[in-house]
C-alpha atoms as a PDB file:
ATOM      1  CA  MET A   1     226.804 -57.318 212.936  1.00  0.00           C
ATOM      2  CA  LYS A   2     224.746 -54.318 211.775  1.00  0.00           C
ATOM      3  CA  PRO A   3     226.856 -53.551 208.661  1.00  0.00           C
ATOM      4  CA  VAL A   4     226.472 -57.187 207.597  1.00  0.00           C
ATOM      5  CA  LEU A   5     222.714 -57.027 208.148  1.00  0.00           C
ATOM      6  CA  LYS A   6     222.355 -53.864 206.066  1.00  0.00           C
ATOM      7  CA  LEU A   7     224.359 -55.409 203.236  1.00  0.00           C
ATOM      8  CA  THR A   8     222.279 -58.584 203.479  1.00  0.00           C
ATOM      9  CA  ALA A   9     219.061 -56.640 202.905  1.00  0.00           C
ATOM     10  CA  LEU A  10     220.545 -55.076 199.780  1.00  0.00           C
ATOM     11  CA  ILE A  11     221.702 -58.451 198.482  1.00  0.00           C
ATOM     12  CA  LEU A  12     218.363 -60.168 199.018  1.00  0.00           C
ATOM     13  CA  ALA A  13     216.605 -57.410 197.107  1.00  0.00           C
ATOM     14  CA  ALA A  14     219.118 -57.610 194.307  1.00  0.00           C
ATOM     15  CA  ILE A  15     218.772 -61.389 194.024  1.00  0.00           C
ATOM     16  CA  ALA A  16     215.067 -61.271 193.448  1.00  0.00           C
ATOM     17  CA  VAL A  17     215.148 -58.536 190.837  1.00  0.00           C
ATOM     18  CA  GLN A  18     217.787 -60.468 188.935  1.00  0.00           C
ATOM     19  CA  TRP A  19     215.166 -63.184 188.443  1.00  0.00           C
ATOM     20  CA  ALA A  20     212.572 -60.826 187.032  1.00  0.00           C
ATOM     21  CA  VAL A  21     211.231 -61.728 183.602  1.00  0.00           C
ATOM     22  CA  PRO A  22     212.808 -59.220 181.246  1.00  0.00           C
ATOM     23  CA  LEU A  23     211.955 -56.956 178.367  1.00  0.00           C
ATOM     24  CA  PRO A  24     210.690 -58.682 175.212  1.00  0.00           C
ATOM     25  CA  VAL A  25     213.638 -58.456 172.834  1.00  0.00           C
ATOM     26  CA  ALA A  26     211.841 -61.009 170.667  1.00  0.00           C
ATOM     27  CA  ALA A  27     208.541 -62.842 170.895  1.00  0.00           C
ATOM     28  CA  ALA A  28     210.365 -66.174 171.048  1.00  0.00           C
ATOM     29  CA  SER A  29     212.298 -65.027 174.107  1.00  0.00           C
ATOM     30  CA  VAL A  30     209.155 -63.988 175.973  1.00  0.00           C
ATOM     31  CA  SER A  31     207.375 -67.248 175.157  1.00  0.00           C
ATOM     32  CA  GLN A  32     210.089 -69.156 177.051  1.00  0.00           C
ATOM     33  CA  LEU A  33     209.738 -67.121 180.239  1.00  0.00           C
ATOM     34  CA  VAL A  34     207.532 -68.434 183.031  1.00  0.00           C
ATOM     35  CA  PRO A  35     205.503 -66.376 185.559  1.00  0.00           C
ATOM     36  CA  HIS A  36     206.060 -68.219 188.824  1.00  0.00           C
ATOM     37  CA  LYS A  37     206.276 -68.351 192.608  1.00  0.00           C
ATOM     38  CA  ALA A  38     209.338 -69.801 194.279  1.00  0.00           C
ATOM     39  CA  LEU A  39     210.451 -70.444 197.855  1.00  0.00           C
ATOM     40  CA  TYR A  40     214.133 -70.768 198.775  1.00  0.00           C
ATOM     41  CA  ARG A  41     215.886 -71.833 201.997  1.00  0.00           C
ATOM     42  CA  LEU A  42     218.965 -69.990 203.266  1.00  0.00           C
ATOM     43  CA  SER A  43     221.864 -71.709 205.043  1.00  0.00           C
ATOM     44  CA  LEU A  44     225.556 -71.189 205.715  1.00  0.00           C
ATOM     45  CA  LYS A  45     227.704 -72.885 203.083  1.00  0.00           C
ATOM     46  CA  GLY A  46     230.599 -74.855 204.499  1.00  0.00           C
ATOM     47  CA  ALA A  47     232.005 -74.816 208.005  1.00  0.00           C
ATOM     48  CA  PRO A  48     232.163 -71.530 209.943  1.00  0.00           C
ATOM     49  CA  GLY A  49     235.469 -69.729 209.520  1.00  0.00           C
ATOM     50  CA  THR A  50     237.165 -67.108 211.643  1.00  0.00           C
ATOM     51  CA  ASN A  51     234.401 -64.535 211.103  1.00  0.00           C
ATOM     52  CA  ASP A  52     231.603 -63.731 213.547  1.00  0.00           C
ATOM     53  CA  VAL A  53     228.888 -65.589 211.607  1.00  0.00           C
ATOM     54  CA  ALA A  54     228.528 -69.186 212.815  1.00  0.00           C
ATOM     55  CA  ALA A  55     225.143 -70.062 211.250  1.00  0.00           C
ATOM     56  CA  VAL A  56     222.636 -68.690 208.735  1.00  0.00           C
ATOM     57  CA  GLY A  57     218.929 -69.485 208.381  1.00  0.00           C
ATOM     58  CA  GLY A  58     215.788 -68.069 206.826  1.00  0.00           C
ATOM     59  CA  GLN A  59     213.761 -68.115 203.634  1.00  0.00           C
ATOM     60  CA  MET A  60     213.235 -66.100 200.485  1.00  0.00           C
ATOM     61  CA  ALA A  61     209.828 -66.005 198.760  1.00  0.00           C
ATOM     62  CA  PHE A  62     209.630 -64.632 195.213  1.00  0.00           C
ATOM     63  CA  GLU A  63     206.697 -64.033 192.868  1.00  0.00           C
ATOM     64  CA  TRP A  64     206.723 -62.720 189.302  1.00  0.00           C
ATOM     65  CA  ARG A  65     203.578 -61.887 187.332  1.00  0.00           C
ATOM     66  CA  ASP A  66     202.773 -60.489 183.898  1.00  0.00           C
ATOM     67  CA  ALA A  67     200.908 -57.228 184.562  1.00  0.00           C
ATOM     68  CA  CYS A  68     200.039 -56.686 180.888  1.00  0.00           C
ATOM     69  CA  ASP A  69     201.845 -53.380 180.342  1.00  0.00           C
ATOM     70  CA  GLY A  70     204.635 -54.280 182.768  1.00  0.00           C
ATOM     71  CA  TRP A  71     206.228 -56.920 184.966  1.00  0.00           C
ATOM     72  CA  ALA A  72     205.179 -57.088 188.652  1.00  0.00           C
ATOM     73  CA  ILE A  73     207.404 -58.611 191.329  1.00  0.00           C
ATOM     74  CA  ASN A  74     206.704 -59.292 194.999  1.00  0.00           C
ATOM     75  CA  GLN A  75     209.240 -60.753 197.362  1.00  0.00           C
ATOM     76  CA  ARG A  76     209.886 -61.292 201.035  1.00  0.00           C
ATOM     77  CA  ASN A  77     213.259 -62.232 202.422  1.00  0.00           C
ATOM     78  CA  LEU A  78     214.115 -63.312 205.944  1.00  0.00           C
ATOM     79  CA  MET A  79     217.751 -63.909 206.840  1.00  0.00           C
ATOM     80  CA  ILE A  80     218.770 -64.971 210.350  1.00  0.00           C
ATOM     81  CA  LEU A  81     222.415 -64.724 211.404  1.00  0.00           C
ATOM     82  CA  GLU A  82     223.858 -66.431 214.480  1.00  0.00           C
ATOM     83  CA  SER A  83     227.184 -65.281 215.900  1.00  0.00           C
ATOM     84  CA  ALA A  84     229.910 -67.482 217.343  1.00  0.00           C
ATOM     85  CA  GLU A  85     228.724 -66.366 220.806  1.00  0.00           C
ATOM     86  CA  GLY A  86     225.202 -67.616 220.113  1.00  0.00           C
ATOM     87  CA  MET A  87     223.600 -64.191 219.548  1.00  0.00           C
ATOM     88  CA  ARG A  88     220.959 -64.024 216.787  1.00  0.00           C
ATOM     89  CA  SER A  89     220.120 -61.117 214.505  1.00  0.00           C
ATOM     90  CA  SER A  90     217.749 -60.949 211.568  1.00  0.00           C
ATOM     91  CA  VAL A  91     216.824 -58.953 208.478  1.00  0.00           C
ATOM     92  CA  ASP A  92     213.202 -59.126 207.285  1.00  0.00           C
ATOM     93  CA  SER A  93     212.777 -57.263 204.002  1.00  0.00           C
ATOM     94  CA  THR A  94     209.980 -56.911 201.454  1.00  0.00           C
ATOM     95  CA  MET A  95     210.171 -55.413 197.984  1.00  0.00           C
ATOM     96  CA  THR A  96     207.434 -54.699 195.448  1.00  0.00           C
ATOM     97  CA  THR A  97     208.342 -53.453 191.967  1.00  0.00           C
ATOM     98  CA  TRP A  98     206.722 -52.746 188.612  1.00  0.00           C
ATOM     99  CA  GLU A  99     208.623 -52.173 185.378  1.00  0.00           C
ATOM    100  CA  ALA A 100     207.156 -51.014 182.085  1.00  0.00           C
ATOM    101  CA  LYS A 101     207.752 -53.477 179.264  1.00  0.00           C
ATOM    102  CA  ASP A 102     209.183 -50.722 177.084  1.00  0.00           C
ATOM    103  CA  GLY A 103     211.769 -49.869 179.762  1.00  0.00           C
ATOM    104  CA  SER A 104     210.484 -46.320 180.228  1.00  0.00           C
ATOM    105  CA  SER A 105     209.473 -46.538 183.902  1.00  0.00           C
ATOM    106  CA  PHE A 106     210.287 -48.468 187.071  1.00  0.00           C
ATOM    107  CA  ARG A 107     208.464 -48.180 190.431  1.00  0.00           C
ATOM    108  CA  PHE A 108     209.650 -49.618 193.745  1.00  0.00           C
ATOM    109  CA  ILE A 109     208.565 -49.980 197.396  1.00  0.00           C
ATOM    110  CA  VAL A 110     211.097 -51.452 199.841  1.00  0.00           C
ATOM    111  CA  ASN A 111     210.802 -52.106 203.580  1.00  0.00           C
ATOM    112  CA  LYS A 112     213.636 -53.461 205.738  1.00  0.00           C
ATOM    113  CA  ASP A 113     213.307 -54.504 209.372  1.00  0.00           C
ATOM    114  CA  PHE A 114     216.608 -54.947 211.221  1.00  0.00           C
ATOM    115  CA  GLY A 115     214.941 -55.869 214.514  1.00  0.00           C
ATOM    116  CA  ALA A 116     216.462 -53.993 217.449  1.00  0.00           C
ATOM    117  CA  SER A 117     218.670 -52.084 214.998  1.00  0.00           C
ATOM    118  CA  GLY A 118     215.661 -50.315 213.455  1.00  0.00           C
ATOM    119  CA  GLY A 119     214.506 -50.327 209.856  1.00  0.00           C
ATOM    120  CA  GLU A 120     214.378 -48.488 206.564  1.00  0.00           C
ATOM    121  CA  ALA A 121     211.666 -47.664 204.006  1.00  0.00           C
ATOM    122  CA  LEU A 122     212.339 -46.726 200.395  1.00  0.00           C
ATOM    123  CA  GLU A 123     209.830 -45.687 197.760  1.00  0.00           C
ATOM    124  CA  GLY A 124     210.056 -43.975 194.407  1.00  0.00           C
ATOM    125  CA  ARG A 125     210.150 -44.150 190.657  1.00  0.00           C
ATOM    126  CA  ALA A 126     212.802 -44.138 187.956  1.00  0.00           C
ATOM    127  CA  GLN A 127     212.041 -42.894 184.463  1.00  0.00           C
ATOM    128  CA  ARG A 128     213.730 -42.767 181.096  1.00  0.00           C
ATOM    129  CA  SER A 129     212.939 -39.766 178.901  1.00  0.00           C
ATOM    130  CA  PRO A 130     212.422 -39.981 175.097  1.00  0.00           C
ATOM    131  CA  SER A 131     215.862 -38.406 174.717  1.00  0.00           C
ATOM    132  CA  GLY A 132     217.421 -41.313 176.611  1.00  0.00           C
ATOM    133  CA  SER A 133     218.319 -39.593 179.877  1.00  0.00           C
ATOM    134  CA  ALA A 134     217.219 -41.248 183.128  1.00  0.00           C
ATOM    135  CA  THR A 135     216.445 -40.099 186.675  1.00  0.00           C
ATOM    136  CA  ALA A 136     215.368 -41.710 189.946  1.00  0.00           C
ATOM    137  CA  ASN A 137     212.874 -39.822 192.132  1.00  0.00           C
ATOM    138  CA  PHE A 138     212.658 -41.009 195.748  1.00  0.00           C
ATOM    139  CA  THR A 139     209.648 -40.081 197.894  1.00  0.00           C
ATOM    140  CA  LEU A 140     210.977 -42.084 200.879  1.00  0.00           C
ATOM    141  CA  PRO A 141     213.066 -41.609 202.966  1.00  0.00           C
ATOM    142  CA  GLY A 142     213.041 -38.106 201.472  1.00  0.00           C
ATOM    143  CA  GLU A 143     212.103 -36.149 198.360  1.00  0.00           C
ATOM    144  CA  VAL A 144     215.283 -36.568 196.322  1.00  0.00           C
ATOM    145  CA  GLU A 145     216.002 -36.738 192.604  1.00  0.00           C
ATOM    146  CA  MET A 146     219.098 -38.622 191.440  1.00  0.00           C
ATOM    147  CA  GLU A 147     220.579 -38.526 187.976  1.00  0.00           C
ATOM    148  CA  LEU A 148     221.240 -41.952 186.464  1.00  0.00           C
ATOM    149  CA  PRO A 149     223.726 -42.885 183.722  1.00  0.00           C
ATOM    150  CA  ALA A 150     222.323 -42.630 180.216  1.00  0.00           C
ATOM    151  CA  ASP A 151     223.033 -46.333 179.661  1.00  0.00           C
ATOM    152  CA  VAL A 152     221.494 -47.482 182.956  1.00  0.00           C
ATOM    153  CA  MET A 153     219.333 -50.591 182.934  1.00  0.00           C
ATOM    154  CA  PHE A 154     216.358 -51.383 185.134  1.00  0.00           C
ATOM    155  CA  PRO A 155     216.146 -54.929 186.566  1.00  0.00           C
ATOM    156  CA  SER A 156     213.970 -56.610 183.944  1.00  0.00           C
ATOM    157  CA  GLN A 157     215.850 -54.928 181.102  1.00  0.00           C
ATOM    158  CA  HIS A 158     219.134 -56.131 182.586  1.00  0.00           C
ATOM    159  CA  THR A 159     217.889 -59.705 182.919  1.00  0.00           C
ATOM    160  CA  ILE A 160     216.725 -59.961 179.301  1.00  0.00           C
ATOM    161  CA  ALA A 161     220.112 -58.724 178.165  1.00  0.00           C
ATOM    162  CA  LEU A 162     221.817 -61.335 180.352  1.00  0.00           C
ATOM    163  CA  LEU A 163     219.610 -64.159 179.042  1.00  0.00           C
ATOM    164  CA  LYS A 164     220.296 -63.055 175.473  1.00  0.00           C
ATOM    165  CA  LYS A 165     224.035 -63.145 176.131  1.00  0.00           C
ATOM    166  CA  MET A 166     223.582 -66.683 177.473  1.00  0.00           C
ATOM    167  CA  ALA A 167     221.615 -67.769 174.393  1.00  0.00           C
ATOM    168  CA  ASP A 168     224.219 -66.236 172.065  1.00  0.00           C
ATOM    169  CA  GLY A 169     227.053 -68.104 173.756  1.00  0.00           C
ATOM    170  CA  GLU A 170     228.773 -64.974 175.049  1.00  0.00           C
ATOM    171  CA  LYS A 171     230.830 -65.205 178.232  1.00  0.00           C
ATOM    172  CA  PHE A 172     230.835 -61.690 179.705  1.00  0.00           C
ATOM    173  CA  PHE A 173     228.340 -58.881 180.229  1.00  0.00           C
ATOM    174  CA  SER A 174     228.633 -55.627 182.193  1.00  0.00           C
ATOM    175  CA  ALA A 175     226.122 -52.821 182.746  1.00  0.00           C
ATOM    176  CA  SER A 176     224.945 -50.055 185.065  1.00  0.00           C
ATOM    177  CA  LEU A 177     221.894 -51.148 187.095  1.00  0.00           C
ATOM    178  CA  PHE A 178     219.316 -49.298 189.187  1.00  0.00           C
ATOM    179  CA  ASP A 179     216.920 -51.437 191.283  1.00  0.00           C
ATOM    180  CA  GLY A 180     215.724 -49.080 194.060  1.00  0.00           C
ATOM    181  CA  SER A 181     216.965 -51.343 196.858  1.00  0.00           C
ATOM    182  CA  GLU A 182     219.187 -48.641 198.374  1.00  0.00           C
ATOM    183  CA  PHE A 183     218.956 -44.850 198.757  1.00  0.00           C
ATOM    184  CA  GLU A 184     221.637 -44.276 196.144  1.00  0.00           C
ATOM    185  CA  PRO A 185     222.120 -43.943 192.372  1.00  0.00           C
ATOM    186  CA  ALA A 186     222.897 -46.795 190.008  1.00  0.00           C
ATOM    187  CA  GLY A 187     225.560 -49.380 190.696  1.00  0.00           C
ATOM    188  CA  PHE A 188     227.489 -51.600 188.318  1.00  0.00           C
ATOM    189  CA  VAL A 189     227.135 -55.338 187.634  1.00  0.00           C
ATOM    190  CA  SER A 190     229.637 -57.562 185.871  1.00  0.00           C
ATOM    191  CA  ALA A 191     228.598 -61.071 184.799  1.00  0.00           C
ATOM    192  CA  ALA A 192     230.683 -64.091 183.803  1.00  0.00           C
ATOM    193  CA  ILE A 193     228.670 -66.827 182.043  1.00  0.00           C
ATOM    194  CA  GLY A 194     229.687 -70.483 182.199  1.00  0.00           C
ATOM    195  CA  LEU A 195     228.977 -73.376 179.844  1.00  0.00           C
ATOM    196  CA  GLU A 196     225.468 -74.781 179.361  1.00  0.00           C
ATOM    197  CA  ILE A 197     224.556 -77.664 181.695  1.00  0.00           C
ATOM    198  CA  VAL A 198     221.747 -80.183 181.125  1.00  0.00           C
ATOM    199  CA  PRO A 199     220.444 -81.693 184.407  1.00  0.00           C
ATOM    200  CA  GLU A 200     219.930 -85.438 184.616  1.00  0.00           C
ATOM    201  CA  GLY A 201     216.875 -87.034 186.217  1.00  0.00           C
ATOM    202  CA  GLU A 202     215.149 -83.741 187.107  1.00  0.00           C
ATOM    203  CA  GLU A 203     211.461 -84.390 187.888  1.00  0.00           C
ATOM    204  CA  GLU A 204     210.308 -80.749 188.071  1.00  0.00           C
ATOM    205  CA  PRO A 205     209.399 -79.749 184.462  1.00  0.00           C
ATOM    206  CA  LEU A 206     210.115 -76.045 184.994  1.00  0.00           C
ATOM    207  CA  ILE A 207     213.782 -76.736 185.758  1.00  0.00           C
ATOM    208  CA  SER A 208     214.342 -79.874 183.669  1.00  0.00           C
ATOM    209  CA  GLY A 209     215.862 -77.951 180.770  1.00  0.00           C
ATOM    210  CA  PRO A 210     219.406 -76.606 180.369  1.00  0.00           C
ATOM    211  CA  TYR A 211     220.813 -73.929 182.650  1.00  0.00           C
ATOM    212  CA  TRP A 212     223.899 -71.741 182.778  1.00  0.00           C
ATOM    213  CA  PRO A 213     226.096 -71.017 185.818  1.00  0.00           C
ATOM    214  CA  VAL A 214     226.449 -67.224 186.065  1.00  0.00           C
ATOM    215  CA  ARG A 215     228.726 -65.279 188.409  1.00  0.00           C
ATOM    216  CA  LEU A 216     227.491 -61.726 189.095  1.00  0.00           C
ATOM    217  CA  ALA A 217     229.754 -59.163 190.764  1.00  0.00           C
ATOM    218  CA  PHE A 218     227.967 -56.119 192.262  1.00  0.00           C
ATOM    219  CA  TYR A 219     229.681 -52.758 192.755  1.00  0.00           C
ATOM    220  CA  GLY A 220     228.018 -49.884 194.613  1.00  0.00           C
ATOM    221  CA  PRO A 221     228.194 -46.355 193.144  1.00  0.00           C
ATOM    222  CA  GLU A 222     231.007 -45.407 195.552  1.00  0.00           C
ATOM    223  CA  ASN A 223     233.083 -48.521 194.878  1.00  0.00           C
ATOM    224  CA  LYS A 224     235.975 -47.587 192.589  1.00  0.00           C
ATOM    225  CA  THR A 225     238.072 -50.680 193.358  1.00  0.00           C
ATOM    226  CA  GLU A 226     238.453 -53.993 191.533  1.00  0.00           C
ATOM    227  CA  SER A 227     236.870 -55.838 194.470  1.00  0.00           C
ATOM    228  CA  PRO A 228     233.030 -56.112 194.343  1.00  0.00           C
ATOM    229  CA  ASP A 229     230.775 -55.398 197.327  1.00  0.00           C
ATOM    230  CA  TYR A 230     229.414 -58.935 196.992  1.00  0.00           C
ATOM    231  CA  GLU A 231     228.945 -61.662 194.388  1.00  0.00           C
ATOM    232  CA  LEU A 232     226.165 -64.046 193.391  1.00  0.00           C
ATOM    233  CA  ALA A 233     226.659 -67.433 191.781  1.00  0.00           C
ATOM    234  CA  VAL A 234     223.384 -68.335 190.015  1.00  0.00           C
ATOM    235  CA  ASP A 235     222.306 -71.455 188.114  1.00  0.00           C
ATOM    236  CA  LEU A 236     219.903 -69.751 185.686  1.00  0.00           C
ATOM    237  CA  HIS A 237     217.457 -71.372 183.248  1.00  0.00           C
ATOM    238  CA  GLU A 238     216.462 -69.738 179.958  1.00  0.00           C
ATOM    239  CA  ASN A 239     212.868 -69.448 181.293  1.00  0.00           C
ATOM    240  CA  GLY A 240     214.069 -66.979 183.976  1.00  0.00           C
ATOM    241  CA  ILE A 241     214.009 -69.438 186.905  1.00  0.00           C
ATOM    242  CA  ALA A 242     217.028 -69.817 189.206  1.00  0.00           C
ATOM    243  CA  ARG A 243     217.403 -73.404 190.413  1.00  0.00           C
ATOM    244  CA  ARG A 244     220.074 -72.509 192.980  1.00  0.00           C
ATOM    245  CA  LEU A 245     222.459 -69.761 193.982  1.00  0.00           C
ATOM    246  CA  GLU A 246     225.117 -68.723 196.425  1.00  0.00           C
ATOM    247  CA  ILE A 247     225.655 -65.303 198.025  1.00  0.00           C
ATOM    248  CA  HIS A 248     229.358 -64.613 198.437  1.00  0.00           C
ATOM    249  CA  PHE A 249     230.147 -62.103 201.179  1.00  0.00           C
ATOM    250  CA  LYS A 250     233.771 -61.284 201.869  1.00  0.00           C
ATOM    251  CA  GLU A 251     233.530 -63.151 205.200  1.00  0.00           C
ATOM    252  CA  PHE A 252     231.155 -66.051 204.453  1.00  0.00           C
ATOM    253  CA  THR A 253     228.917 -67.666 201.833  1.00  0.00           C
ATOM    254  CA  VAL A 254     225.167 -68.304 201.985  1.00  0.00           C
ATOM    255  CA  ASP A 255     223.579 -71.209 200.116  1.00  0.00           C
ATOM    256  CA  VAL A 256     220.112 -70.466 198.637  1.00  0.00           C
ATOM    257  CA  ALA A 257     218.321 -73.725 197.786  1.00  0.00           C
ATOM    258  CA  LEU A 258     215.031 -74.037 195.913  1.00  0.00           C
ATOM    259  CA  GLN A 259     212.313 -75.619 198.089  1.00  0.00           C
ATOM    260  CA  ARG A 260     209.078 -75.058 196.196  1.00  0.00           C
ATOM    261  CA  LEU A 261     208.186 -73.895 192.680  1.00  0.00           C
ATOM    262  CA  GLU A 262     204.788 -73.081 191.186  1.00  0.00           C
ATOM    263  CA  ARG A 263     203.838 -71.924 187.691  1.00  0.00           C
ATOM    264  CA  LEU A 264     201.422 -68.982 187.719  1.00  0.00           C
ATOM    265  CA  PRO A 265     198.620 -68.559 185.166  1.00  0.00           C
ATOM    266  CA  PRO A 266     199.046 -66.080 182.284  1.00  0.00           C
ATOM    267  CA  GLY A 267     198.180 -62.460 182.958  1.00  0.00           C
ATOM    268  CA  GLY A 268     195.059 -62.578 180.794  1.00  0.00           C
ATOM    269  CA  CYS A 269     195.935 -59.443 178.831  1.00  0.00           C
END
């Protein structure tokens, strides 16, 4: 189950950075975005199949704040997997990031605990030079510099572009993405955007407005095939809040359901 656990830690980190409030393309866009805390419950979607995973549990806590000159994100993700034989394994990961609002710099600290299988710590910074070139400098697990594609996006920058595509009625969006969740250069994300949906009878004001179903396919830097490493199906509001999502592994699917949502006060800048 270790390969599944390692992939799970990457996915959970990627989910949270996809919900980061993005770069201010326009003042109107930023005014719609909501600093918030959210708690989600993880469970196995559907009946267990022929794979080794019989049950999934755990939680994901996510917090986004306006840090004046940047966006600050804190998250903790606990996923518990139970095998068909009744054995349990878990991934407990935390990720703290900061991204400059002008897209020039991105800092990240990641810790993953695989229980008896060990753990992993990642730390570093990615920067974009005035000329447009970009690099990622890791300090953990080792002093390594990685060259990034010139058109690479950092998480918040990617999210604002995705939300703009949604608002403009476009259906597809693809880009290189670096989020610091793995000791590797940038990957590739392809998004398919569905039609706008207006919920009926929603009592929570923050998710009472329209949302768009988005399917995100993630490809690692070594993946040269047409098949993604994993996919996310996200119901995404224009204020940057995800009301629900599904994590699609090749072997099974995890349902991520919103349990608690809290608006945070403005940054006071």
